Amino acid sequence: MAEEIVWGNSLGSALKQAQREDKLVLAAFFSQVCEACIKMNKTTLIDDSVREYINRYFVSVKYESGADSEQFMRFDITAKPAMLVLDVSGNEIFRKIGFFEPAIFIEKLEKARKKAAHIASHL
């Protein structure tokens, strides 16, 4: 059984940790009253393969609407759930909105990792 996803709540700390561990940051934006968010939390994010994938390649932060409105405004989040992949400098690499089944979600994250690697190779 894969370990739980460790969700931080500080983007600054996540970026520092990502730099130390050579990972990307996965910033997740949710609402407790959003049906797609609830489904994502109850199915996709508890799936062992998803948890293992996220823990291996990302430092994760999670924000809730209302409580973290500053971060929602900073990243112009208007729909939820929103998943952003950021590089260690905080630059957005990838953004996906909505519910995804586990296998599809891993595919999306893999595309984000490939895009980040491509960008990094051209710096």
Protein backbone atom coordinates (compact mmCIF):
# COMPACT_ATOMS: atom_id res chain seq x y z
CA MET A 1 0.00 0.00 0.00
CA ALA A 2 1.40 3.40 -1.02
CA GLU A 3 2.07 6.05 1.59
CA GLU A 4 -0.41 8.87 2.04
CA ILE A 5 0.24 12.00 0.02
CA VAL A 6 1.86 14.57 2.29
CA TRP A 7 0.04 17.80 1.48
CA GLY A 8 1.82 20.95 2.55
CA ASN A 9 0.19 24.35 2.74
CA SER A 10 3.18 26.62 2.11
CA LEU A 11 4.24 27.20 -1.46
CA GLY A 12 7.56 28.69 -0.32
CA SER A 13 8.43 25.57 1.68
CA ALA A 14 7.30 23.32 -1.18
CA LEU A 15 9.49 25.15 -3.69
CA LYS A 16 12.53 24.87 -1.41
CA GLN A 17 11.90 21.18 -0.82
CA ALA A 18 11.37 20.58 -4.56
CA GLN A 19 14.69 22.24 -5.30
CA ARG A 20 16.49 20.12 -2.69
CA GLU A 21 14.90 16.89 -3.93
CA ASP A 22 14.95 17.70 -7.66
CA LYS A 23 11.16 17.42 -7.95
CA LEU A 24 8.31 19.51 -9.33
CA VAL A 25 5.55 21.04 -7.20
CA LEU A 26 1.96 19.84 -7.51
CA ALA A 27 -0.38 22.57 -6.29
CA ALA A 28 -3.96 21.34 -5.85
CA PHE A 29 -6.89 23.73 -5.45
CA PHE A 30 -10.10 22.33 -3.97
CA SER A 31 -13.41 23.27 -2.42
CA GLN A 32 -15.26 21.26 0.20
CA VAL A 33 -18.56 21.86 -1.62
CA CYS A 34 -17.39 21.04 -5.15
CA GLU A 35 -18.69 17.63 -6.34
CA ALA A 36 -15.69 17.03 -8.64
CA CYS A 37 -13.33 17.93 -5.78
CA ILE A 38 -15.03 15.50 -3.41
CA LYS A 39 -14.88 12.76 -6.06
CA MET A 40 -11.20 13.50 -6.75
CA ASN A 41 -10.39 13.26 -3.02
CA LYS A 42 -12.43 10.07 -2.49
CA THR A 43 -11.27 8.14 -5.55
CA THR A 44 -8.26 9.42 -7.48
CA LEU A 45 -6.14 10.84 -4.67
CA ILE A 46 -6.50 7.72 -2.50
CA ASP A 47 -5.54 5.37 -5.33
CA ASP A 48 -2.25 3.62 -4.51
CA SER A 49 -0.72 4.18 -7.95
CA VAL A 50 -1.59 7.90 -7.85
CA ARG A 51 -0.22 8.32 -4.33
CA GLU A 52 2.98 6.49 -5.23
CA TYR A 53 3.44 8.56 -8.41
CA ILE A 54 2.84 11.89 -6.68
CA ASN A 55 5.11 11.04 -3.75
CA ARG A 56 7.90 9.92 -6.09
CA TYR A 57 7.95 12.93 -8.43
CA PHE A 58 6.29 15.88 -6.68
CA VAL A 59 6.22 17.99 -3.57
CA SER A 60 2.53 18.60 -2.96
CA VAL A 61 0.60 21.56 -1.61
CA LYS A 62 -3.16 21.73 -1.24
CA TYR A 63 -5.36 24.79 -0.95
CA GLU A 64 -9.03 25.07 0.02
CA SER A 65 -11.25 27.82 -1.36
CA GLY A 66 -12.13 30.39 1.26
CA ALA A 67 -9.25 29.54 3.60
CA ASP A 68 -6.58 30.05 0.94
CA SER A 69 -8.17 32.75 -1.22
CA GLU A 70 -4.81 34.54 -1.60
CA GLN A 71 -3.33 31.53 -3.43
CA PHE A 72 -6.49 31.15 -5.54
CA MET A 73 -6.12 34.78 -6.65
CA ARG A 74 -2.36 34.48 -7.16
CA PHE A 75 -2.83 31.63 -9.65
CA ASP A 76 -6.13 32.93 -11.08
CA ILE A 77 -8.05 29.79 -10.08
CA THR A 78 -11.66 30.16 -11.15
CA ALA A 79 -12.68 26.50 -11.48
CA LYS A 80 -12.03 23.54 -9.20
CA PRO A 81 -10.49 21.10 -8.74
CA ALA A 82 -7.44 22.71 -10.33
CA MET A 83 -4.09 20.96 -10.49
CA LEU A 84 -1.01 23.02 -11.29
CA VAL A 85 2.49 21.72 -11.82
CA LEU A 86 5.19 24.27 -11.00
CA ASP A 87 8.93 24.22 -11.48
CA VAL A 88 11.28 24.97 -8.56
CA SER A 89 11.07 28.69 -9.35
CA GLY A 90 7.29 28.66 -9.07
CA ASN A 91 6.67 28.96 -12.82
CA GLU A 92 3.54 27.21 -14.00
CA ILE A 93 4.33 24.30 -16.33
CA PHE A 94 0.94 22.68 -16.57
CA ARG A 95 -2.69 23.25 -15.48
CA LYS A 96 -5.60 20.82 -15.52
CA ILE A 97 -9.11 21.48 -14.26
CA GLY A 98 -11.69 18.90 -13.25
CA PHE A 99 -12.00 15.32 -12.10
CA PHE A 100 -9.74 12.63 -13.57
CA GLU A 101 -9.79 8.86 -13.06
CA PRO A 102 -6.51 7.59 -11.54
CA ALA A 103 -4.87 6.30 -14.74
CA ILE A 104 -5.79 9.44 -16.68
CA PHE A 105 -4.53 11.65 -13.85
CA ILE A 106 -1.16 9.88 -13.88
CA GLU A 107 -1.03 10.36 -17.69
CA LYS A 108 -1.63 14.10 -17.22
CA LEU A 109 1.10 14.35 -14.57
CA GLU A 110 3.49 12.40 -16.79
CA LYS A 111 2.86 14.89 -19.63
CA ALA A 112 3.62 17.71 -17.20
CA ARG A 113 6.91 16.07 -16.18
CA LYS A 114 7.91 15.60 -19.83
CA LYS A 115 7.05 19.21 -20.60
CA ALA A 116 9.11 20.39 -17.61
CA ALA A 117 12.07 18.25 -18.72
CA HIS A 118 11.80 19.64 -22.24
CA ILE A 119 11.73 23.24 -20.95
CA ALA A 120 14.69 22.58 -18.64
CA SER A 121 16.74 21.06 -21.46
CA HIS A 122 16.35 24.24 -23.49
CA LEU A 123 17.51 26.67 -20.81
